[in-house]
Amino acid sequence: MILRPRSVWIFALGFVPPFMVAVWLYPSVLPGYQRAVFAAVNSILGVLSPLAEVRADLTGQWRILVHRPPTDHVVTYALRNANIGLLTFFQQVVLSALLLATPVGLKQRLRLLASGVGVMFCLHVSCVAGCAYGMAFIDNAKSPVFRSLPIILGPFASGLAVVAWSTLTWRYWLAPMAPATTSKRVGRNL
């Protein structure tokens, strides 16, 4: 398989406009997206034990609420970074721009965009639920593992957009190699 250089240039030049539009739209889309992720996360956490819940306060800081049985005492852990939502979900912006810049037809780009947004949503739900459940399960703020769980939402999540994009588009970038031609001599039998 060989990489098509023309496609790389088209992609590089086509990335900037969708990225700028996505960055511009991001602040208005973020609250609804975050609510949707938290609804999915909390529905998953609601069936696990120990019972936990994720919320964002008015400043945007995330809180993990752990319900301790049998008295149902609630312990709240605030994530240190007040902008965790902005940073975690920014991958949707990057992935959207990458998919819209992929040099394929318009219909295929829109299909890729829909698939990519869905894949990234599932990855975000998995990361947030994993972090919250791990914190609820350990339930010890002094534990180094407990304190390192939010890394799932920060640096780890940073590469998810590129991984999702490359998984969805690898076949458009690599063309099958043409089979080697062999020359056959057609001769006459004498």
N, C-alpha and C. Protein backbone atom coordinates (compact mmCIF):
# COMPACT_ATOMS: atom_id res chain seq x y z
N MET A 1 0.84 -1.18 0.00
CA MET A 1 0.00 0.00 0.00
C MET A 1 0.88 1.24 0.00
N ILE A 2 0.41 2.27 -0.69
CA ILE A 2 1.18 3.51 -0.77
C ILE A 2 0.31 4.69 -0.35
N LEU A 3 0.94 5.69 0.22
CA LEU A 3 0.25 6.90 0.63
C LEU A 3 0.11 7.83 -0.57
N ARG A 4 -1.05 8.43 -0.70
CA ARG A 4 -1.29 9.34 -1.83
C ARG A 4 -0.90 10.77 -1.43
N PRO A 5 0.19 11.34 -1.97
CA PRO A 5 0.66 12.67 -1.56
C PRO A 5 -0.35 13.78 -1.84
N ARG A 6 -1.05 13.71 -2.95
CA ARG A 6 -2.03 14.74 -3.28
C ARG A 6 -3.11 14.82 -2.21
N SER A 7 -3.54 13.68 -1.70
CA SER A 7 -4.56 13.63 -0.66
C SER A 7 -4.06 14.27 0.63
N VAL A 8 -2.78 14.10 0.91
CA VAL A 8 -2.21 14.69 2.12
C VAL A 8 -2.26 16.22 2.04
N TRP A 9 -1.94 16.78 0.87
CA TRP A 9 -1.98 18.24 0.71
C TRP A 9 -3.41 18.76 0.79
N ILE A 10 -4.32 18.08 0.16
CA ILE A 10 -5.73 18.49 0.22
C ILE A 10 -6.22 18.47 1.67
N PHE A 11 -5.82 17.44 2.39
CA PHE A 11 -6.20 17.32 3.79
C PHE A 11 -5.61 18.46 4.62
N ALA A 12 -4.32 18.72 4.46
CA ALA A 12 -3.65 19.75 5.25
C ALA A 12 -4.28 21.13 5.01
N LEU A 13 -4.58 21.44 3.76
CA LEU A 13 -5.19 22.74 3.46
C LEU A 13 -6.66 22.80 3.87
N GLY A 14 -7.31 21.65 3.90
CA GLY A 14 -8.72 21.61 4.25
C GLY A 14 -9.01 21.50 5.73
N PHE A 15 -7.99 21.29 6.55
CA PHE A 15 -8.19 21.12 7.99
C PHE A 15 -8.52 22.43 8.70
N VAL A 16 -7.86 23.51 8.33
CA VAL A 16 -7.96 24.77 9.06
C VAL A 16 -9.39 25.34 9.10
N PRO A 17 -10.11 25.47 7.97
CA PRO A 17 -11.46 26.05 8.06
C PRO A 17 -12.43 25.26 8.95
N PRO A 18 -12.53 23.91 8.83
CA PRO A 18 -13.44 23.22 9.73
C PRO A 18 -13.00 23.30 11.19
N PHE A 19 -11.70 23.35 11.42
CA PHE A 19 -11.22 23.47 12.80
C PHE A 19 -11.63 24.81 13.40
N MET A 20 -11.48 25.88 12.63
CA MET A 20 -11.85 27.21 13.12
C MET A 20 -13.36 27.29 13.40
N VAL A 21 -14.16 26.73 12.53
CA VAL A 21 -15.62 26.73 12.73
C VAL A 21 -15.97 25.90 13.97
N ALA A 22 -15.34 24.75 14.12
CA ALA A 22 -15.62 23.89 15.27
C ALA A 22 -15.22 24.57 16.58
N VAL A 23 -14.08 25.26 16.59
CA VAL A 23 -13.65 25.99 17.79
C VAL A 23 -14.65 27.10 18.10
N TRP A 24 -15.14 27.77 17.10
CA TRP A 24 -16.12 28.85 17.29
C TRP A 24 -17.44 28.31 17.86
N LEU A 25 -17.87 27.14 17.38
CA LEU A 25 -19.12 26.54 17.85
C LEU A 25 -19.00 25.85 19.21
N TYR A 26 -17.80 25.46 19.58
CA TYR A 26 -17.58 24.64 20.76
C TYR A 26 -18.22 25.18 22.05
N PRO A 27 -18.03 26.46 22.40
CA PRO A 27 -18.63 26.94 23.65
C PRO A 27 -20.16 26.83 23.70
N SER A 28 -20.81 26.94 22.56
CA SER A 28 -22.27 26.83 22.58
C SER A 28 -22.75 25.39 22.56
N VAL A 29 -21.92 24.47 22.07
CA VAL A 29 -22.30 23.06 22.00
C VAL A 29 -21.91 22.31 23.28
N LEU A 30 -20.86 22.77 23.96
CA LEU A 30 -20.31 22.06 25.11
C LEU A 30 -21.34 21.77 26.21
N PRO A 31 -22.17 22.72 26.66
CA PRO A 31 -23.09 22.40 27.75
C PRO A 31 -24.04 21.24 27.43
N GLY A 32 -24.59 21.23 26.24
CA GLY A 32 -25.49 20.14 25.86
C GLY A 32 -24.76 18.81 25.72
N TYR A 33 -23.57 18.86 25.15
CA TYR A 33 -22.78 17.64 25.00
C TYR A 33 -22.41 17.08 26.38
N GLN A 34 -21.99 17.96 27.27
CA GLN A 34 -21.62 17.52 28.62
C GLN A 34 -22.82 16.90 29.34
N ARG A 35 -24.00 17.50 29.19
CA ARG A 35 -25.21 16.92 29.80
C ARG A 35 -25.50 15.53 29.25
N ALA A 36 -25.33 15.37 27.95
CA ALA A 36 -25.57 14.06 27.33
C ALA A 36 -24.57 13.02 27.83
N VAL A 37 -23.30 13.40 27.92
CA VAL A 37 -22.28 12.47 28.43
C VAL A 37 -22.58 12.11 29.88
N PHE A 38 -22.90 13.11 30.70
CA PHE A 38 -23.19 12.84 32.11
C PHE A 38 -24.43 11.98 32.28
N ALA A 39 -25.43 12.18 31.44
CA ALA A 39 -26.64 11.33 31.53
C ALA A 39 -26.28 9.88 31.24
N ALA A 40 -25.47 9.64 30.22
CA ALA A 40 -25.06 8.27 29.89
C ALA A 40 -24.17 7.70 30.99
N VAL A 41 -23.23 8.50 31.48
CA VAL A 41 -22.33 8.05 32.54
C VAL A 41 -23.12 7.71 33.80
N ASN A 42 -24.03 8.59 34.20
CA ASN A 42 -24.78 8.36 35.43
C ASN A 42 -25.73 7.17 35.31
N SER A 43 -26.22 6.90 34.10
CA SER A 43 -27.05 5.70 33.94
C SER A 43 -26.21 4.43 34.09
N ILE A 44 -24.96 4.47 33.65
CA ILE A 44 -24.05 3.33 33.83
C ILE A 44 -23.68 3.19 35.31
N LEU A 45 -23.29 4.31 35.93
CA LEU A 45 -22.87 4.28 37.33
C LEU A 45 -24.02 3.90 38.26
N GLY A 46 -25.26 4.17 37.84
CA GLY A 46 -26.43 3.87 38.66
C GLY A 46 -26.68 2.38 38.87
N VAL A 47 -26.11 1.53 38.03
CA VAL A 47 -26.31 0.09 38.18
C VAL A 47 -25.08 -0.59 38.79
N LEU A 48 -24.02 0.16 39.05
CA LEU A 48 -22.81 -0.41 39.63
C LEU A 48 -22.78 -0.16 41.14
N SER A 49 -21.98 -0.94 41.80
CA SER A 49 -21.79 -0.75 43.23
C SER A 49 -20.30 -0.58 43.48
N PRO A 50 -19.86 0.41 44.18
CA PRO A 50 -20.61 1.42 44.91
C PRO A 50 -21.26 2.43 43.97
N LEU A 51 -22.35 2.97 44.43
CA LEU A 51 -23.13 3.92 43.65
C LEU A 51 -22.40 5.26 43.58
N ALA A 52 -22.26 5.79 42.39
CA ALA A 52 -21.58 7.06 42.19
C ALA A 52 -22.35 7.89 41.18
N GLU A 53 -22.00 9.17 41.12
CA GLU A 53 -22.67 10.09 40.21
C GLU A 53 -21.68 11.19 39.84
N VAL A 54 -21.79 11.71 38.62
CA VAL A 54 -20.94 12.81 38.17
C VAL A 54 -21.82 14.02 37.93
N ARG A 55 -21.37 15.14 38.43
CA ARG A 55 -22.09 16.42 38.22
C ARG A 55 -21.09 17.52 37.92
N ALA A 56 -21.58 18.56 37.30
CA ALA A 56 -20.77 19.76 37.09
C ALA A 56 -21.49 20.91 37.78
N ASP A 57 -20.72 21.71 38.52
CA ASP A 57 -21.36 22.86 39.16
C ASP A 57 -21.42 24.03 38.18
N LEU A 58 -21.92 25.16 38.63
CA LEU A 58 -22.11 26.31 37.74
C LEU A 58 -20.79 26.85 37.18
N THR A 59 -19.69 26.63 37.87
CA THR A 59 -18.40 27.10 37.37
C THR A 59 -17.79 26.14 36.38
N GLY A 60 -18.39 24.96 36.22
CA GLY A 60 -17.87 23.97 35.29
C GLY A 60 -17.01 22.91 35.95
N GLN A 61 -16.76 23.04 37.25
CA GLN A 61 -15.94 22.05 37.95
C GLN A 61 -16.75 20.77 38.15
N TRP A 62 -16.11 19.65 37.89
CA TRP A 62 -16.77 18.36 38.03
C TRP A 62 -16.65 17.84 39.44
N ARG A 63 -17.72 17.18 39.87
CA ARG A 63 -17.74 16.56 41.20
C ARG A 63 -18.19 15.12 41.05
N ILE A 64 -17.50 14.24 41.77
CA ILE A 64 -17.87 12.83 41.83
C ILE A 64 -18.54 12.62 43.17
N LEU A 65 -19.79 12.20 43.15
CA LEU A 65 -20.54 11.93 44.38
C LEU A 65 -20.57 10.42 44.60
N VAL A 66 -20.11 10.00 45.76
CA VAL A 66 -20.07 8.58 46.10
C VAL A 66 -21.07 8.36 47.23
N HIS A 67 -22.03 7.46 46.99
CA HIS A 67 -23.05 7.13 47.99
C HIS A 67 -22.55 5.93 48.78
N ARG A 68 -22.32 6.13 50.08
CA ARG A 68 -21.81 5.06 50.93
C ARG A 68 -22.96 4.35 51.64
N PRO A 69 -23.09 3.05 51.39
CA PRO A 69 -24.13 2.31 52.10
C PRO A 69 -23.68 2.03 53.54
N PRO A 70 -24.47 1.67 54.45
CA PRO A 70 -25.91 1.49 54.41
C PRO A 70 -26.67 2.77 54.72
N THR A 71 -25.97 3.82 55.21
CA THR A 71 -26.66 5.06 55.59
C THR A 71 -26.87 5.98 54.40
N ASP A 72 -26.32 5.63 53.26
CA ASP A 72 -26.39 6.44 52.04
C ASP A 72 -25.76 7.82 52.26
N HIS A 73 -24.71 7.83 53.07
CA HIS A 73 -23.93 9.05 53.27
C HIS A 73 -23.23 9.39 51.95
N VAL A 74 -23.28 10.64 51.52
CA VAL A 74 -22.70 11.04 50.24
C VAL A 74 -21.39 11.79 50.48
N VAL A 75 -20.33 11.31 49.84
CA VAL A 75 -19.02 11.96 49.88
C VAL A 75 -18.80 12.58 48.50
N THR A 76 -18.36 13.82 48.48
CA THR A 76 -18.14 14.52 47.21
C THR A 76 -16.65 14.77 47.01
N TYR A 77 -16.17 14.40 45.83
CA TYR A 77 -14.79 14.66 45.44
C TYR A 77 -14.82 15.61 44.25
N ALA A 78 -14.17 16.75 44.40
CA ALA A 78 -14.09 17.71 43.30
C ALA A 78 -12.80 17.45 42.53
N LEU A 79 -12.90 17.43 41.21
CA LEU A 79 -11.70 17.29 40.39
C LEU A 79 -10.96 18.62 40.41
N ARG A 80 -9.66 18.57 40.53
CA ARG A 80 -8.86 19.78 40.73
C ARG A 80 -8.98 20.80 39.61
N ASN A 81 -8.97 20.35 38.40
CA ASN A 81 -8.99 21.25 37.26
C ASN A 81 -10.41 21.75 37.03
N ALA A 82 -10.61 23.03 37.18
CA ALA A 82 -11.95 23.61 37.01
C ALA A 82 -12.39 23.57 35.54
N ASN A 83 -11.47 23.45 34.62
CA ASN A 83 -11.80 23.43 33.20
C ASN A 83 -11.74 22.02 32.61
N ILE A 84 -11.96 21.01 33.41
CA ILE A 84 -11.82 19.64 32.95
C ILE A 84 -12.76 19.33 31.79
N GLY A 85 -13.98 19.86 31.84
CA GLY A 85 -14.93 19.63 30.75
C GLY A 85 -14.47 20.23 29.44
N LEU A 86 -13.97 21.46 29.52
CA LEU A 86 -13.45 22.11 28.31
C LEU A 86 -12.32 21.31 27.68
N LEU A 87 -11.43 20.81 28.52
CA LEU A 87 -10.27 20.09 28.01
C LEU A 87 -10.63 18.68 27.54
N THR A 88 -11.46 17.99 28.29
CA THR A 88 -11.80 16.61 27.96
C THR A 88 -12.59 16.52 26.67
N PHE A 89 -13.58 17.36 26.50
CA PHE A 89 -14.48 17.23 25.37
C PHE A 89 -13.99 17.99 24.13
N PHE A 90 -12.86 18.67 24.23
CA PHE A 90 -12.32 19.38 23.07
C PHE A 90 -11.94 18.42 21.95
N GLN A 91 -11.80 17.15 22.28
CA GLN A 91 -11.45 16.15 21.27
C GLN A 91 -12.52 16.05 20.18
N GLN A 92 -13.77 16.39 20.51
CA GLN A 92 -14.82 16.40 19.49
C GLN A 92 -14.51 17.44 18.42
N VAL A 93 -13.95 18.58 18.82
CA VAL A 93 -13.58 19.63 17.87
C VAL A 93 -12.48 19.12 16.93
N VAL A 94 -11.46 18.54 17.52
CA VAL A 94 -10.32 18.05 16.73
C VAL A 94 -10.78 16.96 15.77
N LEU A 95 -11.54 16.00 16.29
CA LEU A 95 -12.00 14.89 15.45
C LEU A 95 -12.91 15.38 14.33
N SER A 96 -13.82 16.28 14.63
CA SER A 96 -14.72 16.81 13.59
C SER A 96 -13.94 17.47 12.46
N ALA A 97 -12.95 18.28 12.82
CA ALA A 97 -12.15 18.95 11.79
C ALA A 97 -11.33 17.95 10.99
N LEU A 98 -10.76 16.95 11.66
CA LEU A 98 -9.99 15.93 10.95
C LEU A 98 -10.86 15.17 9.96
N LEU A 99 -12.06 14.80 10.38
CA LEU A 99 -12.95 14.03 9.51
C LEU A 99 -13.47 14.87 8.35
N LEU A 100 -13.80 16.14 8.62
CA LEU A 100 -14.29 16.99 7.54
C LEU A 100 -13.20 17.36 6.55
N ALA A 101 -11.95 17.29 6.95
CA ALA A 101 -10.84 17.59 6.05
C ALA A 101 -10.38 16.37 5.26
N THR A 102 -10.84 15.20 5.62
CA THR A 102 -10.44 13.99 4.91
C THR A 102 -10.88 14.08 3.45
N PRO A 103 -9.98 13.89 2.51
CA PRO A 103 -10.30 14.09 1.09
C PRO A 103 -11.11 12.94 0.48
N VAL A 104 -12.39 12.94 0.79
CA VAL A 104 -13.35 12.00 0.19
C VAL A 104 -14.57 12.82 -0.21
N GLY A 105 -15.53 12.19 -0.83
CA GLY A 105 -16.74 12.89 -1.24
C GLY A 105 -17.53 13.44 -0.05
N LEU A 106 -18.42 14.38 -0.33
CA LEU A 106 -19.18 15.05 0.73
C LEU A 106 -20.05 14.07 1.53
N LYS A 107 -20.73 13.16 0.84
CA LYS A 107 -21.56 12.18 1.54
C LYS A 107 -20.72 11.33 2.49
N GLN A 108 -19.56 10.91 2.00
CA GLN A 108 -18.69 10.08 2.83
C GLN A 108 -18.16 10.86 4.02
N ARG A 109 -17.84 12.14 3.82
CA ARG A 109 -17.38 12.98 4.94
C ARG A 109 -18.46 13.09 6.01
N LEU A 110 -19.71 13.30 5.57
CA LEU A 110 -20.80 13.41 6.54
C LEU A 110 -21.03 12.10 7.28
N ARG A 111 -20.89 10.97 6.57
CA ARG A 111 -20.99 9.66 7.24
C ARG A 111 -19.86 9.49 8.25
N LEU A 112 -18.66 9.86 7.84
CA LEU A 112 -17.51 9.78 8.74
C LEU A 112 -17.72 10.66 9.96
N LEU A 113 -18.24 11.87 9.74
CA LEU A 113 -18.48 12.80 10.85
C LEU A 113 -19.49 12.21 11.83
N ALA A 114 -20.58 11.67 11.32
CA ALA A 114 -21.59 11.07 12.21
C ALA A 114 -21.00 9.89 12.98
N SER A 115 -20.26 9.04 12.29
CA SER A 115 -19.62 7.90 12.96
C SER A 115 -18.60 8.38 13.99
N GLY A 116 -17.81 9.35 13.62
CA GLY A 116 -16.77 9.86 14.53
C GLY A 116 -17.33 10.50 15.77
N VAL A 117 -18.38 11.29 15.62
CA VAL A 117 -19.01 11.91 16.79
C VAL A 117 -19.56 10.83 17.72
N GLY A 118 -20.17 9.80 17.13
CA GLY A 118 -20.69 8.69 17.94
C GLY A 118 -19.59 7.92 18.64
N VAL A 119 -18.51 7.63 17.93
CA VAL A 119 -17.38 6.92 18.54
C VAL A 119 -16.77 7.74 19.66
N MET A 120 -16.57 9.03 19.41
CA MET A 120 -15.97 9.89 20.44
C MET A 120 -16.88 10.03 21.65
N PHE A 121 -18.19 10.09 21.42
CA PHE A 121 -19.14 10.14 22.53
C PHE A 121 -18.99 8.90 23.40
N CYS A 122 -18.93 7.73 22.76
CA CYS A 122 -18.77 6.47 23.52
C CYS A 122 -17.45 6.44 24.28
N LEU A 123 -16.38 6.95 23.66
CA LEU A 123 -15.09 7.00 24.34
C LEU A 123 -15.13 7.96 25.53
N HIS A 124 -15.79 9.11 25.36
CA HIS A 124 -15.91 10.05 26.47
C HIS A 124 -16.71 9.43 27.62
N VAL A 125 -17.81 8.78 27.29
CA VAL A 125 -18.62 8.13 28.33
C VAL A 125 -17.78 7.09 29.05
N SER A 126 -17.02 6.29 28.31
CA SER A 126 -16.18 5.26 28.93
C SER A 126 -15.12 5.87 29.85
N CYS A 127 -14.47 6.93 29.39
CA CYS A 127 -13.42 7.56 30.20
C CYS A 127 -13.98 8.19 31.47
N VAL A 128 -15.07 8.94 31.34
CA VAL A 128 -15.66 9.60 32.51
C VAL A 128 -16.22 8.56 33.49
N ALA A 129 -16.91 7.56 32.96
CA ALA A 129 -17.46 6.51 33.84
C ALA A 129 -16.34 5.73 34.51
N GLY A 130 -15.28 5.42 33.77
CA GLY A 130 -14.14 4.70 34.36
C GLY A 130 -13.48 5.50 35.47
N CYS A 131 -13.29 6.79 35.24
CA CYS A 131 -12.69 7.65 36.25
C CYS A 131 -13.59 7.73 37.49
N ALA A 132 -14.87 7.99 37.29
CA ALA A 132 -15.79 8.14 38.42
C ALA A 132 -15.94 6.83 39.19
N TYR A 133 -16.07 5.72 38.47
CA TYR A 133 -16.23 4.44 39.16
C TYR A 133 -14.96 4.07 39.92
N GLY A 134 -13.81 4.31 39.32
CA GLY A 134 -12.55 4.04 40.01
C GLY A 134 -12.42 4.86 41.27
N MET A 135 -12.80 6.13 41.21
CA MET A 135 -12.73 6.98 42.39
C MET A 135 -13.72 6.50 43.46
N ALA A 136 -14.91 6.09 43.04
CA ALA A 136 -15.90 5.58 44.00
C ALA A 136 -15.45 4.26 44.59
N PHE A 137 -14.83 3.41 43.79
CA PHE A 137 -14.40 2.10 44.26
C PHE A 137 -13.25 2.23 45.27
N ILE A 138 -12.27 3.09 44.95
CA ILE A 138 -11.13 3.28 45.85
C ILE A 138 -11.56 4.10 47.06
N ASP A 139 -12.29 5.19 46.83
CA ASP A 139 -12.87 6.04 47.88
C ASP A 139 -11.85 6.42 48.96
N ASN A 140 -10.66 6.80 48.52
CA ASN A 140 -9.62 7.22 49.46
C ASN A 140 -8.80 8.31 48.77
N ALA A 141 -9.04 9.55 49.13
CA ALA A 141 -8.40 10.69 48.48
C ALA A 141 -6.89 10.72 48.67
N LYS A 142 -6.36 9.97 49.62
CA LYS A 142 -4.92 9.95 49.85
C LYS A 142 -4.20 8.91 49.00
N SER A 143 -4.94 8.03 48.37
CA SER A 143 -4.34 6.98 47.54
C SER A 143 -3.76 7.58 46.26
N PRO A 144 -2.52 7.20 45.89
CA PRO A 144 -1.95 7.71 44.63
C PRO A 144 -2.74 7.26 43.40
N VAL A 145 -3.30 6.08 43.45
CA VAL A 145 -4.11 5.60 42.32
C VAL A 145 -5.36 6.46 42.18
N PHE A 146 -5.99 6.76 43.30
CA PHE A 146 -7.18 7.61 43.31
C PHE A 146 -6.87 8.97 42.69
N ARG A 147 -5.76 9.57 43.10
CA ARG A 147 -5.40 10.91 42.61
C ARG A 147 -5.00 10.90 41.14
N SER A 148 -4.55 9.74 40.64
CA SER A 148 -4.12 9.70 39.24
C SER A 148 -5.25 9.33 38.28
N LEU A 149 -6.41 8.93 38.79
CA LEU A 149 -7.52 8.55 37.90
C LEU A 149 -7.98 9.66 36.96
N PRO A 150 -8.02 10.93 37.37
CA PRO A 150 -8.42 11.98 36.41
C PRO A 150 -7.50 12.11 35.20
N ILE A 151 -6.34 11.44 35.21
CA ILE A 151 -5.47 11.44 34.02
C ILE A 151 -6.21 10.83 32.84
N ILE A 152 -7.12 9.92 33.13
CA ILE A 152 -7.94 9.31 32.07
C ILE A 152 -8.65 10.40 31.28
N LEU A 153 -9.00 11.48 31.96
CA LEU A 153 -9.77 12.54 31.32
C LEU A 153 -8.88 13.59 30.66
N GLY A 154 -7.64 13.70 31.07
CA GLY A 154 -6.76 14.73 30.54
C GLY A 154 -5.84 14.23 29.46
N PRO A 155 -4.60 13.94 29.82
CA PRO A 155 -3.60 13.53 28.81
C PRO A 155 -4.01 12.29 28.02
N PHE A 156 -4.61 11.31 28.69
CA PHE A 156 -5.01 10.10 27.98
C PHE A 156 -6.03 10.41 26.91
N ALA A 157 -7.01 11.25 27.24
CA ALA A 157 -8.07 11.58 26.29
C ALA A 157 -7.56 12.42 25.12
N SER A 158 -6.42 13.06 25.28
CA SER A 158 -5.90 13.92 24.21
C SER A 158 -5.65 13.17 22.92
N GLY A 159 -5.21 11.95 23.00
CA GLY A 159 -4.91 11.19 21.80
C GLY A 159 -6.10 10.46 21.20
N LEU A 160 -7.24 10.49 21.88
CA LEU A 160 -8.40 9.73 21.39
C LEU A 160 -8.90 10.22 20.04
N ALA A 161 -8.83 11.52 19.79
CA ALA A 161 -9.33 12.04 18.51
C ALA A 161 -8.50 11.52 17.35
N VAL A 162 -7.19 11.50 17.51
CA VAL A 162 -6.32 11.02 16.43
C VAL A 162 -6.50 9.52 16.24
N VAL A 163 -6.64 8.78 17.34
CA VAL A 163 -6.85 7.33 17.24
C VAL A 163 -8.18 7.05 16.53
N ALA A 164 -9.24 7.75 16.93
CA ALA A 164 -10.55 7.55 16.30
C ALA A 164 -10.50 7.93 14.83
N TRP A 165 -9.87 9.05 14.50
CA TRP A 165 -9.77 9.49 13.11
C TRP A 165 -9.00 8.49 12.26
N SER A 166 -7.86 8.03 12.76
CA SER A 166 -7.07 7.09 11.97
C SER A 166 -7.78 5.75 11.81
N THR A 167 -8.52 5.34 12.82
CA THR A 167 -9.29 4.10 12.73
C THR A 167 -10.40 4.21 11.69
N LEU A 168 -11.05 5.36 11.63
CA LEU A 168 -12.16 5.54 10.70
C LEU A 168 -11.70 5.81 9.26
N THR A 169 -10.51 6.36 9.07
CA THR A 169 -10.13 6.82 7.72
C THR A 169 -8.90 6.14 7.13
N TRP A 170 -8.31 5.17 7.77
CA TRP A 170 -7.06 4.61 7.25
C TRP A 170 -7.20 4.09 5.83
N ARG A 171 -8.34 3.53 5.51
CA ARG A 171 -8.50 2.94 4.16
C ARG A 171 -8.57 3.99 3.06
N TYR A 172 -8.89 5.24 3.41
CA TYR A 172 -8.92 6.31 2.41
C TYR A 172 -7.53 6.85 2.13
N TRP A 173 -6.62 6.65 3.05
CA TRP A 173 -5.27 7.17 2.89
C TRP A 173 -4.34 6.20 2.20
N LEU A 174 -4.61 4.95 2.35
CA LEU A 174 -3.72 3.94 1.77
C LEU A 174 -4.39 3.27 0.59
N ALA A 175 -3.77 3.38 -0.54
CA ALA A 175 -4.33 2.78 -1.75
C ALA A 175 -3.68 1.42 -1.96
N PRO A 176 -4.41 0.47 -2.46
CA PRO A 176 -3.78 -0.82 -2.72
C PRO A 176 -2.72 -0.67 -3.81
N MET A 177 -1.65 -1.38 -3.65
CA MET A 177 -0.59 -1.33 -4.67
C MET A 177 -1.08 -2.06 -5.91
N ALA A 178 -0.75 -1.51 -7.03
CA ALA A 178 -1.12 -2.16 -8.29
C ALA A 178 -0.28 -3.42 -8.44
N PRO A 179 -0.89 -4.50 -8.91
CA PRO A 179 -0.11 -5.72 -9.09
C PRO A 179 0.96 -5.51 -10.16
N ALA A 180 2.07 -6.16 -9.95
CA ALA A 180 3.17 -6.05 -10.91
C ALA A 180 2.71 -6.67 -12.22
N THR A 181 2.97 -5.96 -13.28
CA THR A 181 2.58 -6.48 -14.59
C THR A 181 3.68 -7.38 -15.12
N THR A 182 3.27 -8.45 -15.64
CA THR A 182 4.22 -9.37 -16.25
C THR A 182 3.94 -9.39 -17.74
N SER A 183 4.97 -9.38 -18.46
CA SER A 183 4.76 -9.40 -19.91
C SER A 183 4.75 -10.86 -20.36
N LYS A 184 3.73 -11.18 -21.06
CA LYS A 184 3.63 -12.52 -21.63
C LYS A 184 3.90 -12.42 -23.12
N ARG A 185 4.74 -13.26 -23.52
CA ARG A 185 5.01 -13.30 -24.96
C ARG A 185 4.09 -14.32 -25.58
N VAL A 186 3.40 -13.85 -26.54
CA VAL A 186 2.53 -14.76 -27.26
C VAL A 186 3.29 -15.21 -28.49
N GLY A 187 3.52 -16.40 -28.53
CA GLY A 187 4.28 -16.93 -29.66
C GLY A 187 3.48 -17.98 -30.41
N ARG A 188 3.99 -18.26 -31.57
CA ARG A 188 3.32 -19.29 -32.36
C ARG A 188 4.06 -20.60 -32.18
N ASN A 189 3.30 -21.59 -32.07
CA ASN A 189 3.92 -22.92 -32.06
C ASN A 189 4.15 -23.35 -33.49
N LEU A 190 5.34 -23.64 -33.79
CA LEU A 190 5.65 -24.05 -35.15
C LEU A 190 5.82 -25.52 -35.25
